[in-house]
Amino acid sequence: MARNQFGGFGGPNMQQLMRQAQKMQQQMEQAQAELDAKEYEASAGGGMVTCKINGKRQLLSLEIKPEAVDPEDVEMLQDMIMAAVNEALKAGEENREKTMSALAPGGMGGMF
């Protein structure tokens, strides 16, 4: 009977490999749930616009200080909102990448 590429006849080594894969899958699912629940906050315009997102990339809150509202310059307010939201999203993505890369086997870090 030929040996398989895992050094056995499909016995203990294959079972150990399957257990390791299941454990890694559970760790990744737990990390995903924790990342989804995490919240990120960012502001722009010196704190004139503040937003909060969660790990599911959902906007949870958006605060705009009254002095940021200038009917003559709506574009600046729009820019501040986009900057705050994009910064919060960036922080969330960086944390997600760092967390998931730490769980991935060598060489798979860029997959997430």
N, C-alpha and C. Protein backbone atom coordinates (compact mmCIF):
# COMPACT_ATOMS: atom_id res chain seq x y z
N MET A 1 0.85 -1.18 0.00
CA MET A 1 0.00 0.00 0.00
C MET A 1 0.89 1.24 0.00
N ALA A 2 0.58 2.20 -0.84
CA ALA A 2 1.41 3.40 -0.97
C ALA A 2 1.13 4.38 0.16
N ARG A 3 2.19 5.05 0.54
CA ARG A 3 2.05 6.08 1.57
C ARG A 3 1.55 7.35 0.90
N ASN A 4 0.74 8.10 1.65
CA ASN A 4 0.26 9.36 1.08
C ASN A 4 1.27 10.47 1.32
N GLN A 5 1.01 11.64 0.78
CA GLN A 5 1.96 12.76 0.87
C GLN A 5 2.12 13.30 2.28
N PHE A 6 1.27 12.88 3.20
CA PHE A 6 1.34 13.37 4.57
C PHE A 6 2.13 12.44 5.48
N GLY A 7 2.79 11.44 4.91
CA GLY A 7 3.70 10.61 5.66
C GLY A 7 3.05 9.41 6.32
N GLY A 8 1.84 9.08 5.98
CA GLY A 8 1.18 7.94 6.60
C GLY A 8 0.30 7.24 5.59
N PHE A 9 -0.56 6.40 6.10
CA PHE A 9 -1.49 5.66 5.24
C PHE A 9 -2.88 6.24 5.40
N GLY A 10 -2.97 7.55 5.66
CA GLY A 10 -4.27 8.17 5.88
C GLY A 10 -4.68 8.06 7.33
N GLY A 11 -3.79 7.65 8.18
CA GLY A 11 -4.09 7.41 9.58
C GLY A 11 -3.93 8.64 10.45
N PRO A 12 -3.16 8.52 11.51
CA PRO A 12 -3.04 9.56 12.53
C PRO A 12 -2.59 10.92 11.99
N ASN A 13 -1.65 10.94 11.04
CA ASN A 13 -1.18 12.22 10.54
C ASN A 13 -2.29 12.99 9.83
N MET A 14 -3.11 12.30 9.06
CA MET A 14 -4.22 12.94 8.36
C MET A 14 -5.25 13.42 9.38
N GLN A 15 -5.51 12.63 10.40
CA GLN A 15 -6.46 13.03 11.43
C GLN A 15 -5.94 14.26 12.18
N GLN A 16 -4.67 14.29 12.45
CA GLN A 16 -4.07 15.44 13.14
C GLN A 16 -4.18 16.69 12.25
N LEU A 17 -3.94 16.53 10.98
CA LEU A 17 -4.05 17.65 10.05
C LEU A 17 -5.49 18.18 10.02
N MET A 18 -6.45 17.29 10.02
CA MET A 18 -7.86 17.69 10.02
C MET A 18 -8.22 18.42 11.32
N ARG A 19 -7.72 17.94 12.44
CA ARG A 19 -7.99 18.62 13.73
C ARG A 19 -7.39 20.02 13.73
N GLN A 20 -6.18 20.13 13.20
CA GLN A 20 -5.55 21.46 13.13
C GLN A 20 -6.35 22.40 12.23
N ALA A 21 -6.84 21.88 11.11
CA ALA A 21 -7.63 22.71 10.20
C ALA A 21 -8.94 23.15 10.87
N GLN A 22 -9.58 22.25 11.61
CA GLN A 22 -10.81 22.59 12.31
C GLN A 22 -10.55 23.64 13.39
N LYS A 23 -9.45 23.48 14.10
CA LYS A 23 -9.10 24.44 15.15
C LYS A 23 -8.85 25.82 14.55
N MET A 24 -8.13 25.86 13.42
CA MET A 24 -7.86 27.13 12.77
C MET A 24 -9.16 27.76 12.28
N GLN A 25 -10.07 26.96 11.76
CA GLN A 25 -11.37 27.46 11.30
C GLN A 25 -12.14 28.07 12.47
N GLN A 26 -12.13 27.42 13.62
CA GLN A 26 -12.83 27.95 14.80
C GLN A 26 -12.19 29.26 15.25
N GLN A 27 -10.87 29.32 15.24
CA GLN A 27 -10.18 30.55 15.64
C GLN A 27 -10.52 31.70 14.69
N MET A 28 -10.58 31.40 13.41
CA MET A 28 -10.90 32.42 12.43
C MET A 28 -12.34 32.90 12.58
N GLU A 29 -13.26 32.00 12.85
CA GLU A 29 -14.66 32.38 13.06
C GLU A 29 -14.80 33.25 14.30
N GLN A 30 -14.09 32.90 15.37
CA GLN A 30 -14.13 33.70 16.59
C GLN A 30 -13.54 35.08 16.34
N ALA A 31 -12.41 35.14 15.65
CA ALA A 31 -11.78 36.43 15.35
C ALA A 31 -12.70 37.27 14.48
N GLN A 32 -13.38 36.65 13.52
CA GLN A 32 -14.30 37.38 12.64
C GLN A 32 -15.44 37.99 13.46
N ALA A 33 -15.99 37.23 14.38
CA ALA A 33 -17.08 37.74 15.23
C ALA A 33 -16.59 38.91 16.08
N GLU A 34 -15.40 38.79 16.63
CA GLU A 34 -14.84 39.87 17.44
C GLU A 34 -14.58 41.11 16.59
N LEU A 35 -14.07 40.92 15.38
CA LEU A 35 -13.82 42.06 14.49
C LEU A 35 -15.12 42.74 14.08
N ASP A 36 -16.16 41.95 13.82
CA ASP A 36 -17.45 42.51 13.43
C ASP A 36 -18.05 43.37 14.55
N ALA A 37 -17.81 42.99 15.80
CA ALA A 37 -18.37 43.71 16.94
C ALA A 37 -17.56 44.96 17.31
N LYS A 38 -16.33 45.03 16.88
CA LYS A 38 -15.46 46.15 17.24
C LYS A 38 -15.95 47.45 16.60
N GLU A 39 -15.70 48.57 17.28
CA GLU A 39 -16.09 49.87 16.77
C GLU A 39 -14.87 50.76 16.56
N TYR A 40 -14.94 51.60 15.54
CA TYR A 40 -13.85 52.50 15.19
C TYR A 40 -14.43 53.91 15.05
N GLU A 41 -13.69 54.87 15.56
CA GLU A 41 -14.15 56.26 15.50
C GLU A 41 -13.06 57.11 14.86
N ALA A 42 -13.49 58.08 14.06
CA ALA A 42 -12.55 59.00 13.44
C ALA A 42 -13.23 60.35 13.30
N SER A 43 -12.40 61.39 13.22
CA SER A 43 -12.95 62.74 13.06
C SER A 43 -12.16 63.48 11.99
N ALA A 44 -12.75 64.56 11.52
CA ALA A 44 -12.11 65.41 10.52
C ALA A 44 -12.47 66.86 10.81
N GLY A 45 -11.71 67.74 10.19
CA GLY A 45 -11.97 69.16 10.38
C GLY A 45 -11.75 69.61 11.81
N GLY A 46 -10.74 69.07 12.45
CA GLY A 46 -10.45 69.46 13.82
C GLY A 46 -11.54 69.05 14.79
N GLY A 47 -12.21 67.95 14.51
CA GLY A 47 -13.27 67.45 15.40
C GLY A 47 -14.65 67.97 15.04
N MET A 48 -14.77 68.70 13.94
CA MET A 48 -16.07 69.23 13.52
C MET A 48 -17.01 68.12 13.08
N VAL A 49 -16.44 67.06 12.50
CA VAL A 49 -17.23 65.90 12.05
C VAL A 49 -16.61 64.66 12.67
N THR A 50 -17.44 63.86 13.33
CA THR A 50 -16.98 62.62 13.95
C THR A 50 -17.93 61.50 13.54
N CYS A 51 -17.35 60.36 13.20
CA CYS A 51 -18.20 59.22 12.85
C CYS A 51 -17.69 57.99 13.58
N LYS A 52 -18.59 57.02 13.68
CA LYS A 52 -18.26 55.74 14.29
C LYS A 52 -18.81 54.65 13.37
N ILE A 53 -17.95 53.66 13.10
CA ILE A 53 -18.37 52.51 12.30
C ILE A 53 -18.10 51.24 13.10
N ASN A 54 -18.67 50.12 12.66
CA ASN A 54 -18.35 48.85 13.27
C ASN A 54 -17.54 48.00 12.30
N GLY A 55 -17.14 46.85 12.77
CA GLY A 55 -16.32 45.96 11.95
C GLY A 55 -17.03 45.39 10.75
N LYS A 56 -18.34 45.54 10.70
CA LYS A 56 -19.11 45.10 9.54
C LYS A 56 -19.18 46.20 8.48
N ARG A 57 -18.44 47.28 8.74
CA ARG A 57 -18.36 48.43 7.83
C ARG A 57 -19.68 49.17 7.75
N GLN A 58 -20.40 49.21 8.86
CA GLN A 58 -21.66 49.94 8.94
C GLN A 58 -21.45 51.23 9.71
N LEU A 59 -21.99 52.31 9.21
CA LEU A 59 -21.91 53.60 9.89
C LEU A 59 -22.88 53.58 11.06
N LEU A 60 -22.34 53.73 12.27
CA LEU A 60 -23.16 53.67 13.48
C LEU A 60 -23.63 55.06 13.92
N SER A 61 -22.76 56.04 13.79
CA SER A 61 -23.13 57.40 14.17
C SER A 61 -22.34 58.41 13.38
N LEU A 62 -22.93 59.57 13.23
CA LEU A 62 -22.29 60.68 12.54
C LEU A 62 -22.67 61.95 13.28
N GLU A 63 -21.66 62.62 13.82
CA GLU A 63 -21.90 63.85 14.57
C GLU A 63 -21.28 65.02 13.81
N ILE A 64 -22.07 66.06 13.66
CA ILE A 64 -21.61 67.27 12.97
C ILE A 64 -21.86 68.44 13.91
N LYS A 65 -20.81 69.14 14.25
CA LYS A 65 -20.97 70.30 15.12
C LYS A 65 -21.67 71.41 14.33
N PRO A 66 -22.57 72.13 14.98
CA PRO A 66 -23.33 73.17 14.28
C PRO A 66 -22.46 74.19 13.55
N GLU A 67 -21.31 74.53 14.13
CA GLU A 67 -20.45 75.52 13.48
C GLU A 67 -19.81 75.00 12.20
N ALA A 68 -19.91 73.69 11.95
CA ALA A 68 -19.39 73.12 10.70
C ALA A 68 -20.35 73.33 9.54
N VAL A 69 -21.59 73.69 9.86
CA VAL A 69 -22.61 73.84 8.83
C VAL A 69 -22.62 75.29 8.33
N ASP A 70 -22.10 75.45 7.14
CA ASP A 70 -22.07 76.76 6.49
C ASP A 70 -22.81 76.60 5.16
N PRO A 71 -24.01 77.18 5.05
CA PRO A 71 -24.77 77.04 3.81
C PRO A 71 -24.02 77.53 2.57
N GLU A 72 -23.04 78.38 2.79
CA GLU A 72 -22.26 78.91 1.68
C GLU A 72 -21.13 77.96 1.26
N ASP A 73 -20.83 76.95 2.10
CA ASP A 73 -19.73 76.05 1.80
C ASP A 73 -20.09 74.61 2.16
N VAL A 74 -21.11 74.10 1.52
CA VAL A 74 -21.56 72.73 1.75
C VAL A 74 -20.49 71.72 1.33
N GLU A 75 -19.71 72.06 0.34
CA GLU A 75 -18.67 71.14 -0.15
C GLU A 75 -17.64 70.83 0.94
N MET A 76 -17.30 71.81 1.76
CA MET A 76 -16.32 71.54 2.82
C MET A 76 -16.90 70.55 3.83
N LEU A 77 -18.17 70.70 4.16
CA LEU A 77 -18.81 69.76 5.08
C LEU A 77 -18.83 68.36 4.48
N GLN A 78 -19.15 68.27 3.21
CA GLN A 78 -19.15 66.96 2.54
C GLN A 78 -17.76 66.34 2.58
N ASP A 79 -16.74 67.14 2.34
CA ASP A 79 -15.35 66.65 2.37
C ASP A 79 -14.98 66.15 3.78
N MET A 80 -15.40 66.88 4.80
CA MET A 80 -15.09 66.47 6.18
C MET A 80 -15.79 65.16 6.51
N ILE A 81 -17.02 65.02 6.07
CA ILE A 81 -17.75 63.77 6.33
C ILE A 81 -17.06 62.60 5.65
N MET A 82 -16.72 62.77 4.39
CA MET A 82 -16.03 61.69 3.67
C MET A 82 -14.69 61.37 4.31
N ALA A 83 -13.96 62.38 4.72
CA ALA A 83 -12.65 62.14 5.34
C ALA A 83 -12.80 61.35 6.64
N ALA A 84 -13.77 61.72 7.46
CA ALA A 84 -13.96 61.02 8.73
C ALA A 84 -14.38 59.57 8.50
N VAL A 85 -15.34 59.36 7.61
CA VAL A 85 -15.82 58.00 7.34
C VAL A 85 -14.70 57.15 6.74
N ASN A 86 -13.97 57.70 5.78
CA ASN A 86 -12.88 56.94 5.17
C ASN A 86 -11.78 56.60 6.16
N GLU A 87 -11.48 57.51 7.08
CA GLU A 87 -10.46 57.24 8.09
C GLU A 87 -10.90 56.11 9.03
N ALA A 88 -12.16 56.13 9.43
CA ALA A 88 -12.68 55.07 10.29
C ALA A 88 -12.67 53.73 9.57
N LEU A 89 -13.07 53.72 8.30
CA LEU A 89 -13.05 52.49 7.52
C LEU A 89 -11.62 51.96 7.36
N LYS A 90 -10.69 52.86 7.14
CA LYS A 90 -9.28 52.46 7.00
C LYS A 90 -8.77 51.82 8.28
N ALA A 91 -9.10 52.43 9.43
CA ALA A 91 -8.67 51.86 10.71
C ALA A 91 -9.26 50.46 10.90
N GLY A 92 -10.50 50.28 10.54
CA GLY A 92 -11.13 48.97 10.65
C GLY A 92 -10.48 47.94 9.76
N GLU A 93 -10.18 48.31 8.53
CA GLU A 93 -9.55 47.38 7.59
C GLU A 93 -8.14 47.01 8.03
N GLU A 94 -7.40 47.99 8.52
CA GLU A 94 -6.04 47.69 9.00
C GLU A 94 -6.07 46.73 10.17
N ASN A 95 -7.01 46.93 11.08
CA ASN A 95 -7.12 46.03 12.23
C ASN A 95 -7.55 44.64 11.79
N ARG A 96 -8.49 44.57 10.85
CA ARG A 96 -8.96 43.27 10.32
C ARG A 96 -7.79 42.53 9.67
N GLU A 97 -7.03 43.21 8.84
CA GLU A 97 -5.90 42.58 8.15
C GLU A 97 -4.86 42.06 9.15
N LYS A 98 -4.55 42.88 10.13
CA LYS A 98 -3.56 42.50 11.14
C LYS A 98 -4.03 41.27 11.93
N THR A 99 -5.29 41.29 12.34
CA THR A 99 -5.82 40.19 13.14
C THR A 99 -5.89 38.89 12.34
N MET A 100 -6.42 38.94 11.14
CA MET A 100 -6.59 37.73 10.35
C MET A 100 -5.24 37.21 9.85
N SER A 101 -4.30 38.10 9.56
CA SER A 101 -2.97 37.66 9.12
C SER A 101 -2.26 36.89 10.22
N ALA A 102 -2.49 37.28 11.46
CA ALA A 102 -1.86 36.60 12.58
C ALA A 102 -2.37 35.17 12.71
N LEU A 103 -3.59 34.90 12.25
CA LEU A 103 -4.16 33.57 12.35
C LEU A 103 -3.80 32.68 11.16
N ALA A 104 -3.47 33.29 10.04
CA ALA A 104 -3.23 32.53 8.81
C ALA A 104 -1.88 31.82 8.86
N PRO A 105 -1.83 30.63 8.27
CA PRO A 105 -0.55 29.95 8.18
C PRO A 105 0.42 30.76 7.32
N GLY A 106 1.71 30.54 7.45
CA GLY A 106 2.73 31.29 6.73
C GLY A 106 2.43 31.44 5.25
N GLY A 107 2.59 32.66 4.77
CA GLY A 107 2.42 32.91 3.36
C GLY A 107 0.99 33.20 2.93
N MET A 108 0.03 33.17 3.86
CA MET A 108 -1.37 33.41 3.49
C MET A 108 -1.88 34.72 4.03
N GLY A 109 -1.03 35.54 4.61
CA GLY A 109 -1.45 36.76 5.27
C GLY A 109 -2.20 37.74 4.40
N GLY A 110 -1.92 37.82 3.11
CA GLY A 110 -2.58 38.78 2.25
C GLY A 110 -3.95 38.36 1.77
N MET A 111 -4.43 37.22 2.19
CA MET A 111 -5.72 36.72 1.71
C MET A 111 -6.90 37.44 2.31
N PHE A 112 -6.71 38.16 3.40
CA PHE A 112 -7.84 38.75 4.10
C PHE A 112 -7.82 40.22 3.89
